[in-house]
Protein backbone atom coordinates (compact mmCIF):
# COMPACT_ATOMS: atom_id res chain seq x y z
CA UNK A 1 65.89 88.72 64.29
CA UNK A 2 65.73 92.22 66.54
CA UNK A 3 65.02 95.56 64.13
CA UNK A 4 65.92 97.73 67.39
CA UNK A 5 67.46 97.09 70.91
CA UNK A 6 65.74 98.34 73.86
CA UNK A 7 67.78 99.22 77.13
CA UNK A 8 67.69 95.55 78.44
CA UNK A 9 68.98 94.41 74.93
CA UNK A 10 71.78 96.90 74.91
CA UNK A 11 72.84 95.53 78.40
CA UNK A 12 72.51 92.09 77.22
CA UNK A 13 74.84 92.99 73.94
CA UNK A 14 77.77 94.97 75.89
CA UNK A 15 78.22 92.00 78.23
CA UNK A 16 78.52 89.79 75.21
CA UNK A 17 80.87 92.12 73.54
CA UNK A 18 83.22 92.45 76.18
CA UNK A 19 82.98 88.34 76.61
CA UNK A 20 83.69 88.09 72.96
CA UNK A 21 86.79 90.49 72.92
CA UNK A 22 87.95 88.73 76.56
CA UNK A 23 87.78 85.44 74.54
CA UNK A 24 89.98 87.10 71.87
CA UNK A 25 92.08 88.87 74.45
CA UNK A 26 95.07 86.76 73.77
CA UNK A 27 94.84 86.12 70.14
CA UNK A 28 94.64 90.03 69.76
CA UNK A 29 97.54 90.55 71.95
CA UNK A 30 100.21 88.44 69.96
CA UNK A 31 99.16 90.15 66.53
CA UNK A 32 100.21 93.35 68.35
CA UNK A 33 103.50 94.61 66.70
CA UNK A 34 102.92 98.22 67.21
CA UNK A 35 104.51 100.50 68.42
CA UNK A 36 106.80 97.89 69.84
CA UNK A 37 105.85 94.16 70.01
CA UNK A 38 104.30 94.33 73.62
CA UNK A 39 101.50 92.35 72.88
CA UNK A 40 98.82 94.37 74.79
CA UNK A 41 96.06 95.35 72.32
CA UNK A 42 93.81 92.89 73.33
CA UNK A 43 94.37 93.69 77.04
CA UNK A 44 94.01 97.20 76.56
CA UNK A 45 90.42 96.81 74.57
CA UNK A 46 89.44 94.29 77.01
CA UNK A 47 89.94 96.87 79.96
CA UNK A 48 88.59 99.53 77.96
CA UNK A 49 85.32 97.73 77.61
CA UNK A 50 85.14 96.39 81.17
CA UNK A 51 85.39 100.03 82.35
CA UNK A 52 82.48 100.54 80.08
CA UNK A 53 80.69 97.50 81.33
CA UNK A 54 80.88 98.42 84.72
CA UNK A 55 79.84 101.88 84.01
CA UNK A 56 76.52 100.85 82.56
CA UNK A 57 76.15 98.07 85.37
CA UNK A 58 76.12 100.90 88.26
CA UNK A 59 73.43 102.97 86.11
CA UNK A 60 69.82 102.30 86.41
CA UNK A 61 68.79 103.58 83.26
CA UNK A 62 65.88 102.23 81.31
CA UNK A 63 66.23 104.16 77.74
CA UNK A 64 68.56 102.52 75.05
CA UNK A 65 70.01 105.58 74.07
CA UNK A 66 70.91 106.66 77.66
CA UNK A 67 72.35 103.18 78.36
CA UNK A 68 74.52 103.73 75.43
CA UNK A 69 75.66 107.26 76.31
CA UNK A 70 76.52 105.72 79.93
CA UNK A 71 78.70 102.88 78.27
CA UNK A 72 80.32 105.18 75.96
CA UNK A 73 81.12 107.55 78.72
CA UNK A 74 82.75 104.79 80.84
CA UNK A 75 84.72 103.55 77.79
CA UNK A 76 86.19 107.01 77.36
CA UNK A 77 87.30 107.52 81.23
CA UNK A 78 88.50 103.95 81.38
CA UNK A 79 90.31 103.66 77.76
CA UNK A 80 93.62 101.95 77.71
CA UNK A 81 96.54 102.41 74.98
CA UNK A 82 95.87 103.71 71.45
CA UNK A 83 93.38 101.10 70.16
CA UNK A 84 91.11 101.53 73.57
CA UNK A 85 90.91 105.20 73.15
CA UNK A 86 90.02 105.07 69.57
CA UNK A 87 87.36 102.13 70.18
CA UNK A 88 85.98 104.54 72.86
CA UNK A 89 85.43 107.16 70.42
CA UNK A 90 83.68 104.87 67.94
CA UNK A 91 81.42 103.94 70.97
CA UNK A 92 80.64 107.54 71.88
CA UNK A 93 79.52 107.78 67.75
CA UNK A 94 77.14 105.01 68.88
CA UNK A 95 75.75 106.58 71.74
CA UNK A 96 75.31 110.08 70.00
CA UNK A 97 73.71 108.69 66.86
CA UNK A 98 71.19 106.67 69.58
CA UNK A 99 70.62 109.97 71.21
CA UNK A 100 70.10 111.57 67.75
CA UNK A 101 67.77 108.90 66.55
CA UNK A 102 66.16 108.34 69.67
CA UNK A 103 66.72 104.38 69.68
CA UNK A 104 68.97 101.97 68.61
CA UNK A 105 67.65 101.02 65.01
CA UNK A 106 69.30 100.52 61.59
CA UNK A 107 69.67 104.13 61.21
CA UNK A 108 71.40 104.74 64.17
CA UNK A 109 74.39 102.28 63.01
CA UNK A 110 74.35 104.08 59.89
CA UNK A 111 75.12 107.66 61.51
CA UNK A 112 77.27 105.92 64.02
CA UNK A 113 79.59 104.29 61.66
CA UNK A 114 79.30 107.11 59.21
CA UNK A 115 80.13 109.47 62.03
CA UNK A 116 82.55 107.32 63.90
CA UNK A 117 84.79 106.68 60.67
CA UNK A 118 85.22 110.62 60.59
CA UNK A 119 85.53 111.30 64.39
CA UNK A 120 88.18 108.46 65.19
CA UNK A 121 90.34 109.84 62.22
CA UNK A 122 89.94 113.44 64.16
CA UNK A 123 90.88 111.88 66.94
CA UNK A 124 94.41 110.95 66.16
CA UNK A 125 96.96 113.67 65.19
CA UNK A 126 98.34 111.80 61.99
CA UNK A 127 96.00 108.94 60.81
CA UNK A 128 97.61 106.03 59.14
CA UNK A 129 96.14 103.42 56.52
CA UNK A 130 96.02 99.79 57.52
CA UNK A 131 94.80 100.29 61.23
CA UNK A 132 91.53 100.26 62.71
CA UNK A 133 90.79 103.60 61.15
CA UNK A 134 90.56 101.96 57.47
CA UNK A 135 88.78 98.80 58.91
CA UNK A 136 85.90 101.42 60.27
CA UNK A 137 85.97 103.24 56.94
CA UNK A 138 85.51 100.25 55.00
CA UNK A 139 82.58 99.42 57.21
CA UNK A 140 80.81 102.59 57.14
CA UNK A 141 81.42 102.92 53.28
CA UNK A 142 79.86 99.29 52.48
CA UNK A 143 76.39 100.17 54.37
CA UNK A 144 73.63 99.53 51.82
CA UNK A 145 71.49 101.99 50.50
CA UNK A 146 67.72 102.43 51.05
CA UNK A 147 65.75 100.62 53.63
CA UNK A 148 67.28 97.88 54.87
CA UNK A 149 67.00 95.75 58.53
CA UNK A 150 69.28 96.31 61.11
CA UNK A 151 70.75 92.67 60.87
CA UNK A 152 71.31 93.16 57.07
CA UNK A 153 73.05 96.50 57.68
CA UNK A 154 75.27 94.89 60.49
CA UNK A 155 76.14 91.71 58.25
CA UNK A 156 77.07 94.18 55.41
CA UNK A 157 78.97 96.38 57.65
CA UNK A 158 80.93 93.40 59.63
CA UNK A 159 81.64 91.36 56.22
CA UNK A 160 83.44 94.49 54.94
CA UNK A 161 85.28 95.35 57.93
CA UNK A 162 86.69 92.05 57.92
CA UNK A 163 87.87 92.06 54.17
CA UNK A 164 89.35 95.37 55.06
CA UNK A 165 91.10 93.61 57.76
CA UNK A 166 92.59 91.03 55.90
CA UNK A 167 94.16 93.81 53.62
CA UNK A 168 95.94 95.53 56.54
CA UNK A 169 98.83 93.04 56.21
CA UNK A 170 99.58 94.46 52.80
CA UNK A 171 99.40 98.08 54.09
CA UNK A 172 102.13 98.03 56.87
CA UNK A 173 105.40 97.05 56.83
CA UNK A 174 105.48 95.64 60.26
CA UNK A 175 102.22 93.84 59.69
CA UNK A 176 103.75 92.54 56.69
CA UNK A 177 106.87 91.58 58.03
CA UNK A 178 105.09 89.55 61.11
CA UNK A 179 102.32 88.37 58.50
CA UNK A 180 99.46 89.24 60.67
CA UNK A 181 96.52 91.53 60.61
CA UNK A 182 96.01 94.62 62.48
CA UNK A 183 95.43 94.09 66.11
CA UNK A 184 93.24 96.94 66.71
CA UNK A 185 91.33 96.70 63.57
CA UNK A 186 90.52 92.51 64.67
CA UNK A 187 89.15 94.16 67.92
CA UNK A 188 86.67 96.33 66.17
CA UNK A 189 85.99 93.54 63.96
CA UNK A 190 84.95 90.98 66.65
CA UNK A 191 83.07 93.97 68.64
CA UNK A 192 80.92 94.50 65.12
CA UNK A 193 80.68 90.87 64.69
CA UNK A 194 78.88 90.39 68.08
CA UNK A 195 76.58 92.99 67.50
CA UNK A 196 75.37 91.55 64.49
CA UNK A 197 75.04 88.12 66.07
CA UNK A 198 73.09 89.77 68.93
CA UNK A 199 70.37 90.89 66.78
CA UNK A 200 70.01 87.49 64.99
CA UNK A 201 72.36 88.23 61.95
CA UNK A 202 75.20 85.61 60.65
CA UNK A 203 78.25 87.34 59.05
CA UNK A 204 80.50 85.16 57.26
CA UNK A 205 83.94 86.30 58.52
CA UNK A 206 87.51 85.18 58.12
CA UNK A 207 88.97 87.26 61.01
CA UNK A 208 87.39 85.76 63.96
CA UNK A 209 88.97 82.19 63.26
CA UNK A 210 92.50 82.35 63.02
CA UNK A 211 92.81 83.02 59.55
CA UNK A 212 96.19 82.19 57.17
CA UNK A 213 98.08 85.74 56.92
CA UNK A 214 97.66 87.22 53.41
CA UNK A 215 100.69 87.11 51.01
CA UNK A 216 102.87 90.33 51.12
CA UNK A 217 102.90 92.57 48.31
CA UNK A 218 104.56 95.62 47.47
CA UNK A 219 102.41 98.17 49.10
CA UNK A 220 103.72 98.82 52.43
CA UNK A 221 103.39 102.02 54.21
CA UNK A 222 104.53 103.27 57.66
CA UNK A 223 104.22 101.58 61.00
CA UNK A 224 100.82 101.97 62.93
CA UNK A 225 100.37 104.79 65.48
CA UNK A 226 104.13 105.61 66.31
CA UNK A 227 107.78 105.24 66.16
CA UNK A 228 110.21 103.02 68.13
CA UNK A 229 112.16 106.74 68.53
CA UNK A 230 109.58 107.23 71.68
CA UNK A 231 110.49 105.58 74.82
CA UNK A 232 107.28 106.26 76.94
CA UNK A 233 103.40 106.15 76.58
CA UNK A 234 101.62 108.90 78.80
CA UNK A 235 98.00 108.75 79.33
CA UNK A 236 95.69 110.99 81.41
CA UNK A 237 92.24 112.12 81.80
CA UNK A 238 91.62 116.10 80.99
CA UNK A 239 89.10 118.41 82.25
CA UNK A 240 89.42 121.14 79.37
CA UNK A 241 87.17 123.13 77.09
CA UNK A 242 86.27 122.01 73.78
CA UNK A 243 88.41 124.73 72.30
CA UNK A 244 91.58 123.71 74.04
CA UNK A 245 92.12 120.80 72.44
CA UNK A 246 93.30 121.62 68.87
CA UNK A 247 96.03 123.41 70.33
CA UNK A 248 96.79 120.46 72.83
CA UNK A 249 97.01 118.10 69.93
CA UNK A 250 99.22 120.56 68.05
CA UNK A 251 101.38 120.54 71.37
CA UNK A 252 101.52 117.03 71.98
CA UNK A 253 102.37 116.11 68.05
CA UNK A 254 105.25 118.41 68.42
CA UNK A 255 106.64 116.40 71.65
CA UNK A 256 106.10 112.84 69.89
CA UNK A 257 103.72 110.98 68.06
CA UNK A 258 100.48 108.10 68.48
CA UNK A 259 98.72 111.14 69.44
CA UNK A 260 95.00 110.24 70.04
CA UNK A 261 92.79 112.53 72.12
CA UNK A 262 88.94 111.72 72.54
CA UNK A 263 86.13 113.30 74.69
CA UNK A 264 82.98 112.30 76.74
CA UNK A 265 81.20 115.25 75.23
CA UNK A 266 80.94 116.88 78.68
CA UNK A 267 84.49 118.36 79.05
CA UNK A 268 86.49 115.50 79.69
CA UNK A 269 88.96 114.12 77.48
CA UNK A 270 91.13 110.99 77.38
CA UNK A 271 94.57 111.90 76.04
CA UNK A 272 97.12 109.35 74.86
CA UNK A 273 100.82 110.43 73.51
CA UNK A 274 104.14 108.59 72.99
CA UNK A 275 106.95 111.07 74.13
CA UNK A 276 110.50 110.72 75.27
CA UNK A 277 109.77 114.14 77.77
CA UNK A 278 107.24 112.97 79.71
CA UNK A 279 107.11 116.40 81.45
CA UNK A 280 106.25 117.91 78.18
CA UNK A 281 102.96 115.71 77.64
CA UNK A 282 101.81 116.40 81.10
CA UNK A 283 102.48 120.24 80.77
CA UNK A 284 100.72 120.37 77.72
CA UNK A 285 97.83 118.98 79.62
CA UNK A 286 98.19 121.61 82.04
CA UNK A 287 97.92 124.47 79.49
CA UNK A 288 94.79 122.83 78.21
CA UNK A 289 92.98 122.13 81.29
CA UNK A 290 93.52 119.81 84.44
CA UNK A 291 95.23 116.46 83.88
CA UNK A 292 94.26 113.61 86.42
CA UNK A 293 94.78 110.06 86.54
CA UNK A 294 98.29 110.33 84.75
CA UNK A 295 99.73 106.91 83.81
CA UNK A 296 103.09 106.40 82.51
CA UNK A 297 104.52 103.39 80.77
CA UNK A 298 108.04 102.81 79.57
CA UNK A 299 108.13 100.70 76.43
CA UNK A 300 110.94 98.72 77.49
CA UNK A 301 109.74 97.55 80.72
CA UNK A 302 107.05 96.29 79.17
CA UNK A 303 109.30 93.68 77.43
CA UNK A 304 110.72 92.71 80.61
CA UNK A 305 107.68 90.26 81.44
CA UNK A 306 109.79 87.70 83.02
CA UNK A 307 110.71 90.02 85.78
CA UNK A 308 107.30 90.02 87.27
CA UNK A 309 105.58 92.90 89.52
CA UNK A 310 107.50 93.95 93.05
CA UNK A 311 105.06 93.73 95.82
CA UNK A 312 104.72 96.44 98.29
CA UNK A 313 102.41 96.31 101.27
CA UNK A 314 101.85 98.83 104.14
CA UNK A 315 102.09 96.82 107.40
CA UNK A 316 101.54 98.44 110.87
CA UNK A 317 103.76 96.32 113.61
CA UNK A 318 107.41 94.65 113.13
CA UNK A 319 105.54 91.04 113.30
CA UNK A 320 103.20 91.77 110.62
CA UNK A 321 105.78 93.74 108.25
CA UNK A 322 108.23 90.39 109.23
CA UNK A 323 104.94 88.11 107.90
CA UNK A 324 104.74 90.03 104.78
CA UNK A 325 108.54 90.00 104.33
CA UNK A 326 108.59 86.30 104.48
CA UNK A 327 106.35 86.06 101.68
CA UNK A 328 108.84 88.23 99.56
CA UNK A 329 106.97 91.69 99.85
CA UNK A 330 108.44 94.84 100.32
CA UNK A 331 107.27 96.72 103.35
CA UNK A 332 106.01 100.13 104.41
CA UNK A 333 106.10 100.30 108.33
CA UNK A 334 103.85 102.32 110.43
CA UNK A 335 100.14 102.61 111.12
CA UNK A 336 99.73 105.95 109.36
CA UNK A 337 102.32 106.18 106.64
CA UNK A 338 102.84 109.49 104.66
CA UNK A 339 102.84 109.57 100.85
CA UNK A 340 106.44 109.99 101.15
CA UNK A 341 107.21 107.24 103.19
CA UNK A 342 105.49 104.92 100.61
CA UNK A 343 107.22 106.51 97.82
CA UNK A 344 110.53 106.06 99.35
CA UNK A 345 109.83 102.29 99.66
CA UNK A 346 108.62 102.34 95.81
CA UNK A 347 111.86 104.04 94.95
CA UNK A 348 113.81 101.74 96.74
CA UNK A 349 112.72 98.82 95.24
CA UNK A 350 113.85 100.14 91.89
CA UNK A 351 111.14 98.47 90.04
CA UNK A 352 109.54 98.90 86.81
CA UNK A 353 106.30 97.20 88.16
CA UNK A 354 104.82 97.69 91.31
CA UNK A 355 101.40 96.24 93.18
CA UNK A 356 100.52 98.23 96.15
CA UNK A 357 98.66 96.81 98.83
CA UNK A 358 97.32 99.79 101.35
CA UNK A 359 95.86 97.08 103.99
CA UNK A 360 93.70 99.73 105.47
CA UNK A 361 90.88 101.98 104.13
CA UNK A 362 92.50 105.06 105.95
CA UNK A 363 95.55 104.76 104.10
CA UNK A 364 93.99 103.85 100.47
CA UNK A 365 94.13 107.89 99.73
CA UNK A 366 98.02 107.68 100.61
CA UNK A 367 98.94 104.62 98.69
CA UNK A 368 96.99 106.23 95.79
CA UNK A 369 98.95 109.69 95.85
CA UNK A 370 102.34 107.66 96.12
CA UNK A 371 101.14 105.71 93.25
CA UNK A 372 100.29 108.58 91.23
CA UNK A 373 103.68 110.39 91.90
CA UNK A 374 105.74 107.17 91.06
CA UNK A 375 103.99 106.91 87.60
CA UNK A 376 105.33 110.33 86.84
CA UNK A 377 108.45 108.88 86.99
CA UNK A 378 107.95 106.00 84.89
CA UNK A 379 107.15 103.31 87.31
CA UNK A 380 104.01 101.23 86.47
CA UNK A 381 101.80 100.79 89.84
CA UNK A 382 98.40 99.36 90.42
CA UNK A 383 97.06 99.79 94.09
CA UNK A 384 94.99 96.72 94.87
CA UNK A 385 92.15 97.99 97.61
CA UNK A 386 93.15 95.94 100.24
CA UNK A 387 91.30 96.97 103.42
CA UNK A 388 92.88 94.89 106.11
CA UNK A 389 96.16 92.79 106.16
CA UNK A 390 94.36 89.60 105.97
CA UNK A 391 92.94 90.95 102.31
CA UNK A 392 96.72 91.59 101.73
CA UNK A 393 97.55 88.34 102.30
CA UNK A 394 94.80 86.46 100.53
CA UNK A 395 96.04 88.77 97.49
CA UNK A 396 99.92 87.97 97.95
CA UNK A 397 98.74 84.20 98.18
CA UNK A 398 97.66 84.14 94.58
CA UNK A 399 100.49 86.33 92.94
CA UNK A 400 102.14 84.83 90.21
CA UNK A 401 105.21 86.21 88.63
CA UNK A 402 104.62 84.39 85.33
CA UNK A 403 101.26 86.50 84.80
CA UNK A 404 101.07 89.69 82.81
CA UNK A 405 100.94 92.38 85.10
CA UNK A 406 97.19 93.50 84.52
CA UNK A 407 96.23 89.64 84.89
CA UNK A 408 97.87 89.43 87.91
CA UNK A 409 96.53 92.80 89.50
CA UNK A 410 93.24 91.53 88.56
CA UNK A 411 93.58 87.98 90.29
CA UNK A 412 95.05 89.67 93.54
CA UNK A 413 92.01 92.23 93.80
CA UNK A 414 89.59 89.33 93.38
CA UNK A 415 91.30 87.23 95.97
CA UNK A 416 91.05 90.16 98.38
CA UNK A 417 87.81 91.09 97.48
CA UNK A 418 86.77 87.49 98.25
CA UNK A 419 88.24 87.43 101.74
CA UNK A 420 85.75 88.75 104.38
CA UNK A 421 87.35 90.50 107.48
CA UNK A 422 86.64 90.80 110.98
CA UNK A 423 88.40 93.21 113.93
CA UNK A 424 88.30 93.21 117.65
CA UNK A 425 89.13 96.46 119.26
CA UNK A 426 88.32 98.56 122.48
CA UNK A 427 86.17 101.50 122.21
CA UNK A 428 88.04 104.66 123.30
CA UNK A 429 85.03 106.94 123.86
CA UNK A 430 81.01 106.74 123.82
CA UNK A 431 79.55 106.28 120.25
CA UNK A 432 76.63 105.40 118.30
CA UNK A 433 77.17 102.08 116.40
CA UNK A 434 74.90 100.01 114.04
CA UNK A 435 74.17 97.69 116.65
CA UNK A 436 73.47 100.42 119.74
CA UNK A 437 75.81 102.98 122.02
CA UNK A 438 79.24 101.53 123.29
CA UNK A 439 81.10 103.03 125.97
CA UNK A 440 84.84 103.79 126.51
CA UNK A 441 86.40 100.31 127.72
CA UNK A 442 83.58 98.08 125.61
CA UNK A 443 85.12 95.34 123.18
CA UNK A 444 83.65 95.81 119.76
CA UNK A 445 83.62 93.04 117.16
CA UNK A 446 83.60 94.63 113.52
CA UNK A 447 82.83 92.52 110.19
CA UNK A 448 84.16 94.11 107.01
CA UNK A 449 84.50 97.78 108.69
CA UNK A 450 80.86 97.72 110.58
CA UNK A 451 80.50 96.93 113.97
CA UNK A 452 78.40 94.21 114.81
CA UNK A 453 78.93 92.90 118.34
CA UNK A 454 79.67 95.01 121.62
CA UNK A 455 80.76 93.17 124.57
CA UNK A 456 83.09 93.32 127.61
CA UNK A 457 85.45 90.30 126.92
CA UNK A 458 87.65 89.93 123.58
CA UNK A 459 87.33 86.21 123.41
CA UNK A 460 83.12 86.44 123.80
CA UNK A 461 83.21 88.55 121.31
CA UNK A 462 85.63 86.81 118.82
CA UNK A 463 83.61 83.87 119.20
CA UNK A 464 80.60 86.09 118.06
CA UNK A 465 82.30 87.15 115.06
CA UNK A 466 83.52 83.55 114.17
CA UNK A 467 80.15 82.16 114.48
CA UNK A 468 79.00 84.83 112.09
CA UNK A 469 81.73 84.35 109.51
CA UNK A 470 81.33 80.28 109.77
CA UNK A 471 77.85 80.41 109.14
CA UNK A 472 78.33 81.86 105.62
CA UNK A 473 80.84 79.04 104.99
CA UNK A 474 84.59 78.88 105.15
CA UNK A 475 87.62 77.17 103.65
CA UNK A 476 90.36 79.17 105.43
CA UNK A 477 90.33 81.29 108.40
CA UNK A 478 93.46 83.41 109.24
CA UNK A 479 93.73 85.04 112.63
CA UNK A 480 96.36 87.79 113.29
CA UNK A 481 96.89 88.42 117.13
CA UNK A 482 97.58 92.04 118.32
CA UNK A 483 99.85 93.37 120.69
CA UNK A 484 96.83 93.47 123.18
CA UNK A 485 95.76 89.98 122.81
CA UNK A 486 95.79 87.58 125.92
CA UNK A 487 97.98 84.72 126.30
CA UNK A 488 96.34 81.54 124.96
CA UNK A 489 93.85 83.48 122.83
CA UNK A 490 95.28 81.79 119.57
CA UNK A 491 94.85 78.19 120.84
CA UNK A 492 91.48 78.88 122.06
CA UNK A 493 90.35 80.10 118.97
CA UNK A 494 91.79 77.10 117.27
CA UNK A 495 90.20 74.87 119.31
CA UNK A 496 86.38 76.94 119.01
CA UNK A 497 86.98 76.55 114.98
CA UNK A 498 87.66 73.27 114.88
CA UNK A 499 84.88 71.80 117.23
CA UNK A 500 82.44 74.05 114.93
CA UNK A 501 83.81 73.55 111.22
CA UNK A 502 86.18 70.61 111.03
CA UNK A 503 86.56 71.53 107.42
CA UNK A 504 87.66 74.95 107.91
CA UNK A 505 91.75 75.32 107.96
CA UNK A 506 92.72 77.97 110.72
CA UNK A 507 96.24 79.82 110.31
CA UNK A 508 97.37 81.68 113.85
CA UNK A 509 99.90 84.51 113.48
CA UNK A 510 101.18 86.50 116.25
CA UNK A 511 102.34 89.55 114.86
CA UNK A 512 101.66 92.55 117.52
CA UNK A 513 99.81 94.94 115.33
CA UNK A 514 99.05 97.79 117.52
CA UNK A 515 95.41 98.97 117.03
CA UNK A 516 93.26 95.68 116.78
CA UNK A 517 93.96 92.65 119.34
CA UNK A 518 92.81 90.40 116.73
CA UNK A 519 92.03 90.36 113.24
CA UNK A 520 90.36 87.44 111.18
CA UNK A 521 90.23 86.79 107.80
CA UNK A 522 87.79 84.19 106.04
CA UNK A 523 88.20 82.85 102.43
């Protein structure tokens, strides 16, 4: 049994914790009946932890306390929803305690739970019993006194949290009516249990397995974290001084409810509120500091899961536009559209959820800016980072309207990332590339945006690119012929591919894109 966690052990635990939350994501979602039955608490917790894990994976620290600090900061910056923001605050308390105790020991966990129970309540403008706050408080109150091992401490805390979780059914009217426990509290118990089992302890729980709901009693309070009187969830990151936050909480509480504000410790805060006046929530942030990464969700839209997200693609060239439209995708025409051009198509689509495909690195910033403006108007928008039209087509191919919005976005992003892309173009000026100097008129072959071939013939360069792509394996090769592609080029490429890889399927589309005579995608 571990008595302390070093940095490698911390890294292993955070991945196990994410797996545990993702493994129970649907279960937690189904418990979620607050502030409406939008079934997103498990998803929000998973996204929060995913952001935290990604932050730690990108950092090379070899100290446990610093690893926890990076992990907690990633959680705060990536926190989603009420429970996600509160969980991020708890992880920050753990990181602060590890820094104070110069490591991850039983003393660290004791300080973290005791401090976290207090700080999490401070982060919420109007704390309510029967929520994750109650479960965390119970874990802190149950910590054994005196010298105990890390495993013993975590066992006691986890079992007490689980017992408190079972009591939440009797503490909130909506939980009693639904016969379920608190969704955020369930997530906290799963997280705590994952840590206990990581160090070698084995808590005895009822909450991790689907326990029968407790019998309702007369002890019923108000609903958790918000009232159905408010139509919008507003969330943003905020750069602000510590002294500005109390006033911000007061302003937000006056405008709505479900106010949660937590910080990274270095002047950045995650702000969450439910309101009817979206502008008032954002203006409160402007008075306090600099809001950024603003997200606005209309609760009634979250209930319309059968509609599915609307896809919008930036597609230069009429032929490419028609190809996307044939797949049911709305199109922003032009090689270099403005933010207003993209926003006009988003508005014309009249959709509550939009997935935007930029299809070129140079217009990703434009797509992100349009998405942010659309979010301020209550549209839920995600930008899938497609760097080429062939990545956009791969993303469209896995789009599933029956999926939850976030799951659909993740699947599309994974499909795009798994698609390598190559381009053939003609140099317009002398330049230094990664494979030497090119001259005006030279034919350039690029893979994933980097020049890898310089030649004088489009077909020869295309063959060289295909050889490179087939060398790493390919199930499907997609070819987009541009306006400058020569006659018969598609047929020659098809023959070339079939001669070298009979198991590779090839699809050729003559779409007339203006910039590249040839674009190739490999899945």
